[in-house]
Amino acid sequence: MAVFYSRLLGLEEAFATPDRGVIALAGAGPMLTLMRVQEHVRPSWPDGPQRQQLHLDIAVDELEPAGHPFCLTAVRPD
């Protein structure tokens, strides 16, 4: 997941624990930290017993939102 979000958001790895159970990504804006969960149950989004576990809005220039468990938006703060 860290590689995916690093590429998507243009961030670089700022910190990682030796076992890579915690990885922090940083860039010009907010930092994103990802943590491994030992008993993780993969969500069956959008329906199913294990629902969405994260909501993340990402501002982009071009939209290709089909099938993504996060929101892509062209709306940016002023």
C-alpha atoms as a PDB file:
ATOM      1  CA  MET A   1       0.000   0.000   0.000  1.00  0.00           C
ATOM      2  CA  ALA A   2       2.848   2.387   0.772  1.00  0.00           C
ATOM      3  CA  VAL A   3       4.226   2.102  -2.767  1.00  0.00           C
ATOM      4  CA  PHE A   4       0.744   2.672  -4.242  1.00  0.00           C
ATOM      5  CA  TYR A   5       0.063   5.823  -2.189  1.00  0.00           C
ATOM      6  CA  SER A   6       3.624   7.072  -2.656  1.00  0.00           C
ATOM      7  CA  ARG A   7       3.212   6.978  -6.435  1.00  0.00           C
ATOM      8  CA  LEU A   8      -0.377   8.233  -6.418  1.00  0.00           C
ATOM      9  CA  LEU A   9       0.347  11.220  -4.171  1.00  0.00           C
ATOM     10  CA  GLY A  10       3.947  11.936  -5.198  1.00  0.00           C
ATOM     11  CA  LEU A  11       5.266  11.308  -1.671  1.00  0.00           C
ATOM     12  CA  GLU A  12       8.542   9.828  -0.483  1.00  0.00           C
ATOM     13  CA  GLU A  13       9.159   7.445   2.382  1.00  0.00           C
ATOM     14  CA  ALA A  14      10.057   9.551   5.427  1.00  0.00           C
ATOM     15  CA  PHE A  15      10.134   6.818   8.067  1.00  0.00           C
ATOM     16  CA  ALA A  16       9.743   3.059   8.395  1.00  0.00           C
ATOM     17  CA  THR A  17      10.082   0.714  11.333  1.00  0.00           C
ATOM     18  CA  PRO A  18      12.627  -2.092  10.833  1.00  0.00           C
ATOM     19  CA  ASP A  19       9.845  -4.632  10.143  1.00  0.00           C
ATOM     20  CA  ARG A  20       8.049  -2.096   7.866  1.00  0.00           C
ATOM     21  CA  GLY A  21       4.929  -2.453  10.006  1.00  0.00           C
ATOM     22  CA  VAL A  22       4.694   1.357  10.079  1.00  0.00           C
ATOM     23  CA  ILE A  23       5.621   3.461   7.058  1.00  0.00           C
ATOM     24  CA  ALA A  24       5.277   7.249   6.872  1.00  0.00           C
ATOM     25  CA  LEU A  25       5.143   9.065   3.540  1.00  0.00           C
ATOM     26  CA  ALA A  26       5.796  12.787   3.263  1.00  0.00           C
ATOM     27  CA  GLY A  27       6.070  15.539   0.686  1.00  0.00           C
ATOM     28  CA  ALA A  28       5.158  19.205   0.406  1.00  0.00           C
ATOM     29  CA  GLY A  29       1.894  18.766   2.334  1.00  0.00           C
ATOM     30  CA  PRO A  30       0.441  16.456   4.978  1.00  0.00           C
ATOM     31  CA  MET A  31       2.141  13.212   5.978  1.00  0.00           C
ATOM     32  CA  LEU A  32       0.400   9.878   5.371  1.00  0.00           C
ATOM     33  CA  THR A  33       1.197   7.035   7.771  1.00  0.00           C
ATOM     34  CA  LEU A  34       0.268   3.418   7.023  1.00  0.00           C
ATOM     35  CA  MET A  35       0.269   0.713   9.713  1.00  0.00           C
ATOM     36  CA  ARG A  36       0.086  -3.058   9.341  1.00  0.00           C
ATOM     37  CA  VAL A  37      -2.785  -4.732  11.201  1.00  0.00           C
ATOM     38  CA  GLN A  38      -2.133  -8.359  12.122  1.00  0.00           C
ATOM     39  CA  GLU A  39      -5.824  -9.387  12.223  1.00  0.00           C
ATOM     40  CA  HIS A  40      -6.778  -7.367   9.124  1.00  0.00           C
ATOM     41  CA  VAL A  41      -9.982  -8.451   7.369  1.00  0.00           C
ATOM     42  CA  ARG A  42     -10.069  -7.277   3.772  1.00  0.00           C
ATOM     43  CA  PRO A  43     -13.147  -5.113   3.101  1.00  0.00           C
ATOM     44  CA  SER A  44     -15.701  -6.332   0.595  1.00  0.00           C
ATOM     45  CA  TRP A  45     -16.505  -2.846  -0.637  1.00  0.00           C
ATOM     46  CA  PRO A  46     -19.072  -1.512  -1.249  1.00  0.00           C
ATOM     47  CA  ASP A  47     -21.228  -4.361   0.099  1.00  0.00           C
ATOM     48  CA  GLY A  48     -20.506  -7.174   2.483  1.00  0.00           C
ATOM     49  CA  PRO A  49     -19.927  -7.875   6.155  1.00  0.00           C
ATOM     50  CA  GLN A  50     -16.606  -5.956   6.309  1.00  0.00           C
ATOM     51  CA  ARG A  51     -17.375  -2.457   5.067  1.00  0.00           C
ATOM     52  CA  GLN A  52     -15.113   0.394   3.959  1.00  0.00           C
ATOM     53  CA  GLN A  53     -12.280   0.996   6.454  1.00  0.00           C
ATOM     54  CA  LEU A  54     -10.917   4.290   5.107  1.00  0.00           C
ATOM     55  CA  HIS A  55     -12.206   7.262   3.201  1.00  0.00           C
ATOM     56  CA  LEU A  56      -9.659   9.405   1.398  1.00  0.00           C
ATOM     57  CA  ASP A  57     -10.440  12.253  -1.002  1.00  0.00           C
ATOM     58  CA  ILE A  58      -7.713  12.901  -3.570  1.00  0.00           C
ATOM     59  CA  ALA A  59      -7.652  16.003  -5.812  1.00  0.00           C
ATOM     60  CA  VAL A  60      -6.645  15.221  -9.407  1.00  0.00           C
ATOM     61  CA  ASP A  61      -6.613  16.984 -12.761  1.00  0.00           C
ATOM     62  CA  GLU A  62      -8.323  14.152 -14.672  1.00  0.00           C
ATOM     63  CA  LEU A  63     -10.962  11.840 -13.223  1.00  0.00           C
ATOM     64  CA  GLU A  64     -11.024   8.060 -13.647  1.00  0.00           C
ATOM     65  CA  PRO A  65     -13.074   7.112 -10.570  1.00  0.00           C
ATOM     66  CA  ALA A  66     -14.614   3.779 -11.600  1.00  0.00           C
ATOM     67  CA  GLY A  67     -13.998   1.017  -9.073  1.00  0.00           C
ATOM     68  CA  HIS A  68     -11.808   2.978  -6.635  1.00  0.00           C
ATOM     69  CA  PRO A  69     -12.492   2.724  -2.852  1.00  0.00           C
ATOM     70  CA  PHE A  70     -11.524   6.388  -2.508  1.00  0.00           C
ATOM     71  CA  CYS A  71     -12.814   9.625  -4.034  1.00  0.00           C
ATOM     72  CA  LEU A  72     -11.072  11.398  -6.873  1.00  0.00           C
ATOM     73  CA  THR A  73     -12.156  15.018  -7.168  1.00  0.00           C
ATOM     74  CA  ALA A  74     -11.245  18.025  -9.273  1.00  0.00           C
ATOM     75  CA  VAL A  75     -12.366  20.343  -6.438  1.00  0.00           C
ATOM     76  CA  ARG A  76      -9.386  21.945  -4.680  1.00  0.00           C
ATOM     77  CA  PRO A  77      -9.275  24.321  -1.701  1.00  0.00           C
ATOM     78  CA  ASP A  78      -8.842  28.009  -2.512  1.00  0.00           C
END
